Every structure is written in C-alpha cells, then in structure tokens.
Protein backbone atom coordinates (compact mmCIF):
# COMPACT_ATOMS: atom_id res chain seq x y z
CA MET A 1 -27.34 -11.28 -28.66
CA SER A 2 -26.40 -15.02 -28.46
CA GLY A 3 -29.59 -15.96 -30.67
CA GLU A 4 -28.94 -13.64 -33.55
CA ILE A 5 -24.75 -14.89 -34.16
CA GLU A 6 -26.40 -18.17 -34.76
CA LYS A 7 -28.76 -17.66 -36.92
CA LYS A 8 -26.43 -15.43 -39.12
CA GLU A 9 -25.00 -17.59 -41.67
CA HIS A 10 -22.52 -15.33 -43.15
CA GLY A 11 -20.62 -13.35 -41.73
CA ILE A 12 -17.84 -10.56 -43.24
CA GLY A 13 -15.15 -13.17 -44.80
CA ILE A 14 -10.67 -12.97 -44.48
CA ASN A 15 -9.40 -11.22 -47.09
CA TYR A 16 -6.68 -13.23 -48.37
CA TYR A 17 -4.87 -10.51 -50.24
CA VAL A 18 -4.75 -8.75 -46.54
CA ILE A 19 -3.32 -12.25 -45.22
CA ALA A 20 -0.83 -12.21 -48.20
CA ALA A 21 0.03 -8.46 -47.43
CA ILE A 22 0.38 -9.07 -44.36
CA THR A 23 2.78 -12.28 -44.55
CA LEU A 24 5.43 -10.41 -47.29
CA GLY A 25 5.71 -7.39 -44.68
CA ILE A 26 6.51 -9.66 -42.28
CA LEU A 27 8.85 -11.78 -44.31
CA VAL A 28 10.41 -8.64 -45.22
CA PHE A 29 10.30 -6.95 -41.41
CA ILE A 30 12.36 -10.06 -40.74
CA ILE A 31 15.27 -9.62 -43.31
CA GLY A 32 15.33 -6.01 -42.40
CA ASN A 33 15.90 -6.95 -38.62
CA SER A 34 18.43 -10.05 -39.32
CA ILE A 35 20.54 -7.07 -40.75
CA GLU A 36 20.20 -4.43 -38.98
CA PRO A 37 23.11 -3.72 -36.73
CA ASP A 38 22.85 -4.62 -32.97
CA GLU A 39 22.66 -0.49 -31.11
CA GLU A 40 22.22 -1.55 -27.96
CA GLU A 41 21.99 2.05 -26.37
CA SER A 42 19.06 2.96 -28.96
CA LEU A 43 15.07 1.47 -29.61
CA ASP A 44 15.68 1.02 -33.66
CA PHE A 45 12.63 0.61 -36.29
CA TYR A 46 11.85 -3.06 -35.73
CA GLU A 47 11.52 -2.95 -32.08
CA PHE A 48 9.40 0.21 -32.17
CA MET A 49 7.38 -1.44 -34.50
CA THR A 50 6.56 -4.92 -32.07
CA SER A 51 5.88 -1.98 -29.30
CA LEU A 52 3.07 -0.49 -31.36
CA GLY A 53 1.86 -3.83 -32.66
CA PHE A 54 1.44 -4.79 -28.71
CA ALA A 55 -0.36 -1.07 -28.12
CA ALA A 56 -2.27 -1.09 -31.45
CA VAL A 57 -4.27 -4.63 -29.80
CA THR A 58 -4.83 -3.03 -26.83
CA VAL A 59 -6.31 0.34 -28.85
CA PHE A 60 -8.02 -2.17 -30.94
CA ALA A 61 -9.79 -3.94 -27.94
CA PHE A 62 -10.58 -0.73 -25.90
CA PHE A 63 -12.44 0.51 -28.32
CA ILE A 64 -15.11 -2.62 -29.20
CA THR A 65 -15.36 -2.72 -24.97
CA LYS A 66 -16.18 1.13 -25.45
CA ARG A 67 -18.85 0.40 -28.19
CA TYR A 68 -20.11 -2.56 -26.49
CA TRP A 69 -20.17 -1.79 -22.81
CA GLY A 70 -24.09 -2.29 -22.67
CA SER A 71 -23.68 -6.09 -23.87
CA LYS A 72 -23.88 -9.02 -21.31
CA VAL A 73 -20.53 -10.54 -22.32
CA PHE A 74 -18.36 -8.46 -25.23
CA GLY A 75 -18.27 -4.90 -22.70
CA LYS A 76 -16.38 -6.86 -19.95
CA SER A 77 -14.52 -9.41 -21.55
CA TYR A 78 -13.32 -7.38 -24.26
CA LEU A 79 -12.26 -5.29 -21.42
CA ALA A 80 -10.75 -7.97 -20.13
CA LEU A 81 -8.70 -8.09 -23.37
CA ALA A 82 -7.37 -4.86 -23.51
CA LEU A 83 -6.04 -4.58 -20.14
CA GLY A 84 -4.45 -7.99 -21.00
CA PHE A 85 -2.06 -6.56 -23.59
CA LEU A 86 -1.89 -3.35 -21.95
CA CYS A 87 0.08 -4.82 -19.68
CA TYR A 88 1.88 -6.91 -22.21
CA SER A 89 2.36 -3.70 -23.59
CA ILE A 90 4.15 -2.23 -20.71
CA GLY A 91 5.73 -5.22 -19.34
CA TRP A 92 7.55 -5.16 -23.51
CA ASN A 93 8.06 -1.49 -23.14
CA LEU A 94 10.17 -2.07 -19.19
CA TRP A 95 12.52 -4.85 -20.83
CA TRP A 96 13.18 -2.56 -23.46
CA PHE A 97 13.86 0.60 -20.77
CA TYR A 98 15.87 -1.92 -18.51
CA GLU A 99 18.16 -2.79 -21.58
CA ILE A 100 18.66 0.21 -23.44
CA TRP A 101 18.48 3.13 -20.71
CA TYR A 102 19.84 0.52 -17.14
CA GLN A 103 22.33 -1.27 -19.72
CA VAL A 104 20.87 -4.58 -18.44
CA GLU A 105 21.43 -7.38 -20.73
CA ASN A 106 18.24 -9.73 -21.26
CA PRO A 107 16.21 -8.62 -18.43
CA TYR A 108 14.74 -11.62 -17.37
CA VAL A 109 13.68 -12.92 -14.34
CA ASP A 110 12.75 -8.95 -13.57
CA LEU A 111 9.93 -6.24 -13.15
CA PRO A 112 8.79 -6.63 -16.80
CA ASP A 113 7.70 -10.35 -16.76
CA VAL A 114 5.13 -8.88 -13.48
CA PHE A 115 3.29 -7.29 -16.56
CA PHE A 116 3.87 -10.11 -18.85
CA ILE A 117 2.16 -13.06 -16.38
CA ALA A 118 -0.92 -10.21 -15.87
CA TYR A 119 -1.67 -10.61 -19.20
CA TYR A 120 -2.34 -14.32 -18.98
CA PRO A 121 -5.22 -14.48 -16.72
CA LEU A 122 -7.14 -11.56 -18.39
CA VAL A 123 -6.80 -13.13 -21.83
CA ILE A 124 -8.03 -16.78 -20.29
CA TYR A 125 -11.14 -14.39 -18.78
CA HIS A 126 -11.88 -12.70 -21.81
CA ILE A 127 -11.67 -16.33 -24.01
CA GLN A 128 -13.77 -18.06 -21.55
CA LYS A 129 -16.64 -15.38 -21.08
CA ASN A 130 -17.00 -15.37 -25.18
CA TYR A 131 -17.38 -18.82 -26.04
CA GLN A 132 -19.13 -20.07 -22.38
CA TYR A 133 -21.92 -17.43 -23.11
CA PHE A 134 -22.39 -19.39 -26.01
CA ARG A 135 -21.73 -22.88 -25.09
CA LYS A 136 -22.49 -23.64 -21.71
CA SER A 137 -20.51 -26.69 -21.80
CA VAL A 138 -17.59 -28.23 -24.44
CA THR A 139 -16.94 -31.41 -25.98
CA LYS A 140 -14.62 -34.07 -25.08
CA SER A 141 -12.48 -33.56 -27.30
CA GLN A 142 -12.39 -29.75 -26.92
CA LYS A 143 -12.21 -30.64 -23.16
CA SER A 144 -9.18 -33.09 -24.62
CA ILE A 145 -7.32 -30.20 -26.03
CA ILE A 146 -7.42 -27.47 -22.95
CA ILE A 147 -5.79 -30.38 -21.15
CA LEU A 148 -3.79 -32.23 -23.08
CA ILE A 149 -2.18 -28.74 -24.65
CA PRO A 150 -0.83 -27.07 -21.22
CA ILE A 151 0.75 -30.27 -20.81
CA ILE A 152 2.84 -31.16 -24.12
CA ILE A 153 4.11 -27.75 -24.97
CA PRO A 154 5.43 -27.77 -21.43
CA ILE A 155 6.63 -30.88 -21.55
CA ILE A 156 8.98 -29.71 -25.09
CA TYR A 157 9.80 -26.63 -22.83
CA CYS A 158 11.12 -28.90 -20.14
CA PHE A 159 12.97 -31.62 -22.11
CA PHE A 160 14.99 -28.53 -23.58
CA GLY A 161 15.58 -27.37 -20.21
CA LEU A 162 16.61 -30.83 -18.65
CA PHE A 163 18.24 -32.52 -21.72
CA GLN A 164 21.30 -31.03 -23.57
CA VAL A 165 22.50 -31.79 -26.99
CA SER A 166 25.96 -32.59 -27.59
CA ALA A 167 27.91 -33.35 -31.25
CA ASP A 168 30.36 -36.01 -31.31
CA GLY A 169 31.97 -37.10 -34.50
CA GLY A 170 29.22 -34.65 -36.03
CA LEU A 171 26.60 -37.30 -34.44
CA ALA A 172 23.73 -35.23 -32.30
CA THR A 173 23.78 -37.01 -29.00
CA ILE A 174 21.08 -36.00 -26.16
CA GLN A 175 22.21 -36.62 -22.81
CA ILE A 176 20.47 -35.96 -19.12
CA SER A 177 21.85 -32.55 -17.56
CA THR A 178 24.02 -32.89 -14.37
CA TYR A 179 23.37 -29.03 -14.00
CA GLN A 180 26.75 -29.11 -12.55
CA ASN A 181 27.45 -25.74 -14.09
CA TYR A 182 24.14 -24.11 -13.82
CA ASP A 183 23.37 -21.48 -10.76
CA ASP A 184 20.78 -20.76 -8.77
CA GLN A 185 19.78 -18.29 -11.87
CA PHE A 186 19.52 -20.56 -13.92
CA TYR A 187 16.87 -22.36 -11.59
CA ILE A 188 15.02 -19.56 -11.34
CA GLU A 189 14.62 -18.58 -15.34
CA PHE A 190 14.10 -22.65 -15.84
CA PHE A 191 11.17 -22.76 -13.62
CA THR A 192 9.71 -19.31 -14.46
CA GLY A 193 10.09 -20.03 -17.91
CA LEU A 194 7.50 -22.93 -17.32
CA VAL A 195 4.92 -21.21 -15.66
CA PHE A 196 5.10 -18.57 -18.52
CA VAL A 197 5.19 -21.81 -21.17
CA PHE A 198 1.86 -23.05 -19.31
CA ALA A 199 -0.07 -20.15 -19.41
CA THR A 200 0.55 -19.44 -22.79
CA SER A 201 -0.10 -22.99 -23.57
CA LEU A 202 -3.76 -22.69 -22.10
CA VAL A 203 -4.53 -19.37 -23.80
CA PHE A 204 -3.61 -21.24 -27.07
CA ALA A 205 -5.36 -24.56 -26.24
CA LEU A 206 -8.32 -21.86 -24.94
CA ALA A 207 -8.43 -20.05 -28.48
CA ILE A 208 -8.39 -23.13 -30.56
CA VAL A 209 -11.83 -24.44 -28.38
CA ALA A 210 -13.27 -21.08 -28.97
CA ALA A 211 -12.48 -20.94 -32.41
CA GLN A 212 -14.04 -24.18 -32.88
CA ILE A 213 -17.26 -23.15 -30.88
CA PHE A 214 -17.32 -19.69 -33.36
CA ARG A 215 -16.40 -21.18 -36.57
CA THR A 216 -20.16 -21.75 -38.02
CA THR A 217 -20.99 -18.45 -36.48
CA VAL A 218 -21.11 -14.66 -38.03
CA LEU A 219 -17.65 -14.72 -35.87
CA GLY A 220 -15.80 -17.52 -36.86
CA ALA A 221 -13.29 -15.67 -39.83
CA ALA A 222 -12.87 -13.33 -36.49
CA TRP A 223 -12.09 -15.90 -34.16
CA GLY A 224 -9.97 -17.70 -36.77
CA LEU A 225 -7.59 -14.75 -36.84
CA LEU A 226 -7.27 -14.18 -32.97
CA LEU A 227 -6.65 -18.22 -32.94
CA LEU A 228 -3.17 -17.60 -35.54
CA GLY A 229 -2.28 -14.74 -33.55
CA ILE A 230 -2.40 -16.42 -30.44
CA LEU A 231 -0.57 -19.42 -32.16
CA LEU A 232 1.75 -16.77 -33.03
CA ASN A 233 2.64 -14.99 -29.77
CA THR A 234 2.59 -18.53 -28.40
CA VAL A 235 4.93 -20.20 -30.73
CA ALA A 236 7.24 -17.01 -30.26
CA ASP A 237 7.04 -17.01 -26.16
CA LEU A 238 7.55 -20.72 -26.24
CA TYR A 239 10.94 -20.24 -28.62
CA TYR A 240 11.99 -16.97 -26.14
CA TYR A 241 12.12 -18.92 -23.12
CA ILE A 242 14.08 -22.31 -24.26
CA ASN A 243 16.50 -19.13 -25.89
CA GLU A 244 16.41 -17.60 -22.34
CA LEU A 245 18.11 -20.71 -20.82
CA PHE A 246 21.06 -21.34 -23.43
CA GLY A 247 21.44 -18.09 -24.73
CA GLY A 248 19.34 -15.13 -24.60
CA TYR A 249 16.85 -13.07 -26.81
CA VAL A 250 18.92 -11.38 -29.91
CA ARG A 251 17.34 -8.42 -31.34
CA GLN A 252 18.21 -9.38 -35.06
CA ASP A 253 16.24 -12.35 -33.49
CA PRO A 254 13.48 -13.80 -36.48
CA VAL A 255 11.04 -14.49 -33.28
CA THR A 256 10.65 -10.78 -33.19
CA GLY A 257 8.48 -10.69 -36.52
CA ILE A 258 6.97 -13.71 -34.90
CA TRP A 259 5.34 -11.44 -32.27
CA LEU A 260 4.85 -8.69 -35.14
CA ALA A 261 2.56 -11.32 -37.20
CA GLY A 262 0.89 -12.38 -33.74
CA THR A 263 -0.24 -8.79 -33.00
CA VAL A 264 -1.34 -7.59 -36.69
CA PHE A 265 -3.59 -10.93 -37.13
CA LEU A 266 -4.83 -10.43 -33.83
CA CYS A 267 -6.01 -6.74 -34.81
CA TYR A 268 -7.14 -8.03 -37.98
CA GLY A 269 -9.68 -10.52 -36.20
CA LEU A 270 -10.26 -7.40 -34.02
CA TYR A 271 -11.49 -5.65 -37.08
CA LEU A 272 -13.98 -8.35 -38.19
CA HIS A 273 -14.82 -8.62 -34.46
CA ARG A 274 -15.84 -4.94 -34.57
CA LYS A 275 -18.14 -5.32 -37.91
CA GLU A 276 -20.09 -8.28 -36.47
CA ILE A 277 -21.23 -7.60 -33.24
C-alpha cells in the first residue's frame, strides 16, 4: 500500500468552499457563545456541539478502522486514533458532568484529566505508525521539529506560570513571581499543566513531520487538514492550561470555538482519508 500511495500523484483536493463554510460557522459559534447567558446548572447548545465534535472524530476514526482493519498500518493506527479521541471525549463530558451535576467549578486537576492524558500516547502512536511505515527515518530538520517544538511551547507556558505581569503607571512590567500568594493547588495545577502542554506540543510536532512526509502523496490534503485540526487543538489546550493558573476556563470563552474548529477540520481530514486509502 505504501508503493501505491507514493506512485499516485493526485488525490482528492481540499474544497475551499467547505473551508470557508467551516470558518464562517466557527465565527458565528464564537460570537453566539460569547453572548449566551452562563447557566452553570445546564449544558447549553455550545458545549453540546463541542462534545458532539469530539464524538464525531471518534466515529470517523472507528469507521476507518473497520474498513481497513486488514491493512498492515492503517487498521491498528486508526484504532489507536479512535481510542484516543474516545478518551478525550469521555474526559470532556466528565468535565461537564462534574461542573454541572456536582457543581465542581473548573474540575481540574480531577478524574477527567486521567482520560485527557490517555489521549496523547494513543495519538502519538497513530502518527508515528503512519509516517514510519512510509519513511523509515526522518531528516535532520524534521528531528529538530520533533525536539524543539516540545521545548519551546512548554517554555511559553512556564513563562506565564513563573512570571507575572503587572501594570504600573500604565506600563506593563514583567516580574519574577515569588509564589508568596500561591498555595499547593497552584503547584499541582502548574506541573500537571506542564505535562499536558508538553504532550500536546509533541503531538503537534509529530503531526508537522507527518504532514511533510505525506505532502507530495495522495494523502497530502488529508494530512494537511489533520495538521490544522491538531494545531487548533494545541492552541486551545495551551490557552486552557495557562488560563487555569490565573482564573480558570469560562464557558463563554472563544477557546471553546477553537476546540470545535479543531474537531471539524479533523473530521474533514478523516473524510479525505476514507476516500483515499
């Protein structure tokens, strides 16, 4: 199957009308979510749609798993992807269950994080299994991507955690935090967030390498969309874990729309995978 993919020069391209429609829909979603009243005791339309997005990625991945189970690479790798997003979906819905039914405000660090962390090794396995099947080794520049991105993005996270920005006379100054006002919960959240940020950064770095490897193959468009979806998820995760240090996630936050956009682009990428492999 690797030879077939290498020899085929043109696959199904990205329909940019679909991309425009998705982008417009996400903008409407973000605006609508920002003005929706915050009702802590119920799951509103916007959270439900995001939950549906993660579930949809899971269904798409399981569908590809079933269709190509006999394949040397695609069957098991897409099973890992499906299980990964199943874990993420469970974690997402547990988060809302704790917040709505148990009235736990921002349930982090808590049981949902067990499912969130399980997502990363499964998705990493999926990405590596795919690109290593077609390329036994990566280039020096690709190795640099895999090494540097999981270092740079956690440094950004640590910058916000270890430094504080204060306004003095209208000028913003950066000071090293003494942690005098921080309790043990802050440290737990900080180091837990650091683990998650490193993991999501590694997933993003590997997705970049995979997209480069598949760029000139029939799966180029599909992997480009998967990379975009993973990038949006990485941005949303980074924002979430930084925000948790200094205030916590709120339901009207635009980051909800970024997560949803990531799932929609992932679904579109998986749809193209279904058409090509």
